[in-house]
Amino acid sequence: MGKFFKGFLFGVISTLGAITGALYTFHKVVVEPVEEQENRAEENRRRAHRKQHAAQNG
């Protein structure tokens, strides 16, 4: 039973590691670029808004 338990434990740990790696990769490849694009768009909106108000004060 000792070998079975060690093998089972190793399999569970390996599976969890693979799942964690896949989720981390998904986050880096899919989620972060979308968030960066949204942040850039929001920053551009803020700049345009400031420029619009500055032009009216000039």
PDB file of N, CA and C in Angstrom:
ATOM      1  N   MET A   1       0.803  -1.189   0.000  1.00  0.00           N
ATOM      2  CA  MET A   1       0.000   0.000   0.000  1.00  0.00           C
ATOM      3  C   MET A   1       0.850   1.258   0.000  1.00  0.00           C
ATOM      4  N   GLY A   2       2.054   1.182   0.457  1.00  0.00           N
ATOM      5  CA  GLY A   2       2.930   2.335   0.490  1.00  0.00           C
ATOM      6  C   GLY A   2       3.252   2.854  -0.892  1.00  0.00           C
ATOM      7  N   LYS A   3       3.516   1.947  -1.840  1.00  0.00           N
ATOM      8  CA  LYS A   3       3.830   2.351  -3.204  1.00  0.00           C
ATOM      9  C   LYS A   3       2.612   3.004  -3.870  1.00  0.00           C
ATOM     10  N   PHE A   4       1.457   2.423  -3.620  1.00  0.00           N
ATOM     11  CA  PHE A   4       0.244   2.972  -4.212  1.00  0.00           C
ATOM     12  C   PHE A   4       0.012   4.397  -3.712  1.00  0.00           C
ATOM     13  N   PHE A   5       0.145   4.607  -2.412  1.00  0.00           N
ATOM     14  CA  PHE A   5      -0.089   5.926  -1.835  1.00  0.00           C
ATOM     15  C   PHE A   5       0.913   6.946  -2.376  1.00  0.00           C
ATOM     16  N   LYS A   6       2.182   6.563  -2.480  1.00  0.00           N
ATOM     17  CA  LYS A   6       3.204   7.482  -3.014  1.00  0.00           C
ATOM     18  C   LYS A   6       2.905   7.823  -4.468  1.00  0.00           C
ATOM     19  N   GLY A   7       2.534   6.834  -5.236  1.00  0.00           N
ATOM     20  CA  GLY A   7       2.206   7.068  -6.643  1.00  0.00           C
ATOM     21  C   GLY A   7       0.974   7.940  -6.805  1.00  0.00           C
ATOM     22  N   PHE A   8      -0.021   7.665  -5.981  1.00  0.00           N
ATOM     23  CA  PHE A   8      -1.251   8.461  -6.019  1.00  0.00           C
ATOM     24  C   PHE A   8      -0.971   9.910  -5.641  1.00  0.00           C
ATOM     25  N   LEU A   9      -0.204  10.098  -4.600  1.00  0.00           N
ATOM     26  CA  LEU A   9       0.144  11.444  -4.141  1.00  0.00           C
ATOM     27  C   LEU A   9       0.952  12.178  -5.209  1.00  0.00           C
ATOM     28  N   PHE A  10       1.910  11.496  -5.817  1.00  0.00           N
ATOM     29  CA  PHE A  10       2.701  12.107  -6.879  1.00  0.00           C
ATOM     30  C   PHE A  10       1.815  12.481  -8.066  1.00  0.00           C
ATOM     31  N   GLY A  11       0.886  11.640  -8.413  1.00  0.00           N
ATOM     32  CA  GLY A  11      -0.039  11.926  -9.516  1.00  0.00           C
ATOM     33  C   GLY A  11      -0.916  13.133  -9.232  1.00  0.00           C
ATOM     34  N   VAL A  12      -1.414  13.217  -8.004  1.00  0.00           N
ATOM     35  CA  VAL A  12      -2.258  14.354  -7.632  1.00  0.00           C
ATOM     36  C   VAL A  12      -1.452  15.649  -7.686  1.00  0.00           C
ATOM     37  N   ILE A  13      -0.249  15.630  -7.144  1.00  0.00           N
ATOM     38  CA  ILE A  13       0.595  16.826  -7.140  1.00  0.00           C
ATOM     39  C   ILE A  13       0.969  17.218  -8.569  1.00  0.00           C
ATOM     40  N   SER A  14       1.283  16.245  -9.400  1.00  0.00           N
ATOM     41  CA  SER A  14       1.621  16.534 -10.798  1.00  0.00           C
ATOM     42  C   SER A  14       0.435  17.128 -11.544  1.00  0.00           C
ATOM     43  N   THR A  15      -0.732  16.592 -11.318  1.00  0.00           N
ATOM     44  CA  THR A  15      -1.939  17.101 -11.972  1.00  0.00           C
ATOM     45  C   THR A  15      -2.229  18.533 -11.533  1.00  0.00           C
ATOM     46  N   LEU A  16      -2.136  18.789 -10.247  1.00  0.00           N
ATOM     47  CA  LEU A  16      -2.366  20.141  -9.754  1.00  0.00           C
ATOM     48  C   LEU A  16      -1.332  21.121 -10.325  1.00  0.00           C
ATOM     49  N   GLY A  17      -0.099  20.681 -10.439  1.00  0.00           N
ATOM     50  CA  GLY A  17       0.933  21.524 -11.031  1.00  0.00           C
ATOM     51  C   GLY A  17       0.643  21.835 -12.495  1.00  0.00           C
ATOM     52  N   ALA A  18       0.187  20.838 -13.225  1.00  0.00           N
ATOM     53  CA  ALA A  18      -0.141  21.045 -14.642  1.00  0.00           C
ATOM     54  C   ALA A  18      -1.323  22.003 -14.797  1.00  0.00           C
ATOM     55  N   ILE A  19      -2.325  21.851 -13.956  1.00  0.00           N
ATOM     56  CA  ILE A  19      -3.489  22.736 -14.004  1.00  0.00           C
ATOM     57  C   ILE A  19      -3.079  24.166 -13.664  1.00  0.00           C
ATOM     58  N   THR A  20      -2.265  24.311 -12.635  1.00  0.00           N
ATOM     59  CA  THR A  20      -1.793  25.638 -12.247  1.00  0.00           C
ATOM     60  C   THR A  20      -0.992  26.288 -13.370  1.00  0.00           C
ATOM     61  N   GLY A  21      -0.126  25.529 -13.994  1.00  0.00           N
ATOM     62  CA  GLY A  21       0.655  26.054 -15.117  1.00  0.00           C
ATOM     63  C   GLY A  21      -0.226  26.470 -16.277  1.00  0.00           C
ATOM     64  N   ALA A  22      -1.235  25.682 -16.569  1.00  0.00           N
ATOM     65  CA  ALA A  22      -2.141  26.010 -17.669  1.00  0.00           C
ATOM     66  C   ALA A  22      -2.929  27.287 -17.363  1.00  0.00           C
ATOM     67  N   LEU A  23      -3.405  27.425 -16.151  1.00  0.00           N
ATOM     68  CA  LEU A  23      -4.143  28.632 -15.776  1.00  0.00           C
ATOM     69  C   LEU A  23      -3.247  29.869 -15.807  1.00  0.00           C
ATOM     70  N   TYR A  24      -2.017  29.730 -15.336  1.00  0.00           N
ATOM     71  CA  TYR A  24      -1.067  30.845 -15.352  1.00  0.00           C
ATOM     72  C   TYR A  24      -0.768  31.266 -16.790  1.00  0.00           C
ATOM     73  N   THR A  25      -0.548  30.298 -17.657  1.00  0.00           N
ATOM     74  CA  THR A  25      -0.278  30.592 -19.060  1.00  0.00           C
ATOM     75  C   THR A  25      -1.477  31.261 -19.720  1.00  0.00           C
ATOM     76  N   PHE A  26      -2.678  30.764 -19.454  1.00  0.00           N
ATOM     77  CA  PHE A  26      -3.896  31.367 -19.996  1.00  0.00           C
ATOM     78  C   PHE A  26      -4.004  32.817 -19.556  1.00  0.00           C
ATOM     79  N   HIS A  27      -3.719  33.078 -18.285  1.00  0.00           N
ATOM     80  CA  HIS A  27      -3.798  34.432 -17.764  1.00  0.00           C
ATOM     81  C   HIS A  27      -2.795  35.347 -18.452  1.00  0.00           C
ATOM     82  N   LYS A  28      -1.567  34.863 -18.638  1.00  0.00           N
ATOM     83  CA  LYS A  28      -0.525  35.668 -19.272  1.00  0.00           C
ATOM     84  C   LYS A  28      -0.809  35.909 -20.752  1.00  0.00           C
ATOM     85  N   VAL A  29      -1.354  34.926 -21.444  1.00  0.00           N
ATOM     86  CA  VAL A  29      -1.535  35.019 -22.892  1.00  0.00           C
ATOM     87  C   VAL A  29      -2.849  35.697 -23.269  1.00  0.00           C
ATOM     88  N   VAL A  30      -3.914  35.468 -22.506  1.00  0.00           N
ATOM     89  CA  VAL A  30      -5.228  35.954 -22.907  1.00  0.00           C
ATOM     90  C   VAL A  30      -5.690  37.135 -22.054  1.00  0.00           C
ATOM     91  N   VAL A  31      -5.628  37.010 -20.752  1.00  0.00           N
ATOM     92  CA  VAL A  31      -6.238  37.995 -19.868  1.00  0.00           C
ATOM     93  C   VAL A  31      -5.418  39.284 -19.798  1.00  0.00           C
ATOM     94  N   GLU A  32      -4.117  39.188 -19.579  1.00  0.00           N
ATOM     95  CA  GLU A  32      -3.297  40.395 -19.431  1.00  0.00           C
ATOM     96  C   GLU A  32      -3.310  41.288 -20.663  1.00  0.00           C
ATOM     97  N   PRO A  33      -3.180  40.761 -21.891  1.00  0.00           N
ATOM     98  CA  PRO A  33      -3.239  41.663 -23.046  1.00  0.00           C
ATOM     99  C   PRO A  33      -4.572  42.408 -23.157  1.00  0.00           C
ATOM    100  N   VAL A  34      -5.670  41.752 -22.808  1.00  0.00           N
ATOM    101  CA  VAL A  34      -6.974  42.407 -22.855  1.00  0.00           C
ATOM    102  C   VAL A  34      -7.027  43.516 -21.811  1.00  0.00           C
ATOM    103  N   GLU A  35      -6.526  43.244 -20.612  1.00  0.00           N
ATOM    104  CA  GLU A  35      -6.518  44.260 -19.562  1.00  0.00           C
ATOM    105  C   GLU A  35      -5.630  45.438 -19.955  1.00  0.00           C
ATOM    106  N   GLU A  36      -4.475  45.165 -20.559  1.00  0.00           N
ATOM    107  CA  GLU A  36      -3.588  46.240 -20.992  1.00  0.00           C
ATOM    108  C   GLU A  36      -4.252  47.100 -22.056  1.00  0.00           C
ATOM    109  N   GLN A  37      -4.949  46.480 -22.972  1.00  0.00           N
ATOM    110  CA  GLN A  37      -5.645  47.227 -24.024  1.00  0.00           C
ATOM    111  C   GLN A  37      -6.745  48.102 -23.423  1.00  0.00           C
ATOM    112  N   GLU A  38      -7.482  47.566 -22.455  1.00  0.00           N
ATOM    113  CA  GLU A  38      -8.522  48.350 -21.797  1.00  0.00           C
ATOM    114  C   GLU A  38      -7.920  49.522 -21.036  1.00  0.00           C
ATOM    115  N   ASN A  39      -6.782  49.299 -20.377  1.00  0.00           N
ATOM    116  CA  ASN A  39      -6.124  50.378 -19.644  1.00  0.00           C
ATOM    117  C   ASN A  39      -5.641  51.467 -20.598  1.00  0.00           C
ATOM    118  N   ARG A  40      -5.077  51.066 -21.742  1.00  0.00           N
ATOM    119  CA  ARG A  40      -4.626  52.042 -22.724  1.00  0.00           C
ATOM    120  C   ARG A  40      -5.802  52.862 -23.257  1.00  0.00           C
ATOM    121  N   ALA A  41      -6.915  52.214 -23.538  1.00  0.00           N
ATOM    122  CA  ALA A  41      -8.088  52.910 -24.048  1.00  0.00           C
ATOM    123  C   ALA A  41      -8.617  53.893 -23.003  1.00  0.00           C
ATOM    124  N   GLU A  42      -8.642  53.476 -21.755  1.00  0.00           N
ATOM    125  CA  GLU A  42      -9.111  54.359 -20.680  1.00  0.00           C
ATOM    126  C   GLU A  42      -8.179  55.558 -20.524  1.00  0.00           C
ATOM    127  N   GLU A  43      -6.890  55.337 -20.597  1.00  0.00           N
ATOM    128  CA  GLU A  43      -5.923  56.434 -20.502  1.00  0.00           C
ATOM    129  C   GLU A  43      -6.102  57.404 -21.668  1.00  0.00           C
ATOM    130  N   ASN A  44      -6.338  56.884 -22.866  1.00  0.00           N
ATOM    131  CA  ASN A  44      -6.573  57.749 -24.025  1.00  0.00           C
ATOM    132  C   ASN A  44      -7.848  58.568 -23.858  1.00  0.00           C
ATOM    133  N   ARG A  45      -8.884  57.969 -23.277  1.00  0.00           N
ATOM    134  CA  ARG A  45     -10.124  58.705 -23.021  1.00  0.00           C
ATOM    135  C   ARG A  45      -9.872  59.854 -22.045  1.00  0.00           C
ATOM    136  N   ARG A  46      -9.092  59.570 -20.982  1.00  0.00           N
ATOM    137  CA  ARG A  46      -8.784  60.615 -19.996  1.00  0.00           C
ATOM    138  C   ARG A  46      -8.005  61.755 -20.642  1.00  0.00           C
ATOM    139  N   ARG A  47      -7.004  61.422 -21.462  1.00  0.00           N
ATOM    140  CA  ARG A  47      -6.205  62.447 -22.136  1.00  0.00           C
ATOM    141  C   ARG A  47      -7.084  63.295 -23.050  1.00  0.00           C
ATOM    142  N   ALA A  48      -7.937  62.651 -23.815  1.00  0.00           N
ATOM    143  CA  ALA A  48      -8.814  63.379 -24.725  1.00  0.00           C
ATOM    144  C   ALA A  48      -9.744  64.293 -23.945  1.00  0.00           C
ATOM    145  N   HIS A  49     -10.239  63.818 -22.832  1.00  0.00           N
ATOM    146  CA  HIS A  49     -11.132  64.613 -21.999  1.00  0.00           C
ATOM    147  C   HIS A  49     -10.395  65.833 -21.457  1.00  0.00           C
ATOM    148  N   ARG A  50      -9.163  65.658 -20.983  1.00  0.00           N
ATOM    149  CA  ARG A  50      -8.375  66.778 -20.473  1.00  0.00           C
ATOM    150  C   ARG A  50      -8.082  67.777 -21.588  1.00  0.00           C
ATOM    151  N   LYS A  51      -7.719  67.270 -22.766  1.00  0.00           N
ATOM    152  CA  LYS A  51      -7.426  68.165 -23.885  1.00  0.00           C
ATOM    153  C   LYS A  51      -8.669  68.953 -24.293  1.00  0.00           C
ATOM    154  N   GLN A  52      -9.806  68.302 -24.273  1.00  0.00           N
ATOM    155  CA  GLN A  52     -11.048  68.957 -24.656  1.00  0.00           C
ATOM    156  C   GLN A  52     -11.333  70.121 -23.712  1.00  0.00           C
ATOM    157  N   HIS A  53     -11.176  69.892 -22.416  1.00  0.00           N
ATOM    158  CA  HIS A  53     -11.444  70.942 -21.439  1.00  0.00           C
ATOM    159  C   HIS A  53     -10.372  72.021 -21.476  1.00  0.00           C
ATOM    160  N   ALA A  54      -9.126  71.670 -21.733  1.00  0.00           N
ATOM    161  CA  ALA A  54      -8.053  72.650 -21.821  1.00  0.00           C
ATOM    162  C   ALA A  54      -8.248  73.548 -23.049  1.00  0.00           C
ATOM    163  N   ALA A  55      -8.735  73.001 -24.142  1.00  0.00           N
ATOM    164  CA  ALA A  55      -8.954  73.790 -25.349  1.00  0.00           C
ATOM    165  C   ALA A  55     -10.068  74.798 -25.147  1.00  0.00           C
ATOM    166  N   GLN A  56     -11.048  74.480 -24.324  1.00  0.00           N
ATOM    167  CA  GLN A  56     -12.152  75.404 -24.083  1.00  0.00           C
ATOM    168  C   GLN A  56     -11.737  76.547 -23.158  1.00  0.00           C
ATOM    169  N   ASN A  57     -10.695  76.304 -22.338  1.00  0.00           N
ATOM    170  CA  ASN A  57     -10.229  77.347 -21.418  1.00  0.00           C
ATOM    171  C   ASN A  57      -9.255  78.309 -22.071  1.00  0.00           C
ATOM    172  N   GLY A  58      -8.707  77.931 -23.203  1.00  0.00           N
ATOM    173  CA  GLY A  58      -7.660  78.712 -23.848  1.00  0.00           C
ATOM    174  C   GLY A  58      -8.216  79.868 -24.551  1.00  0.00           C
TER     175      GLY A  58
END
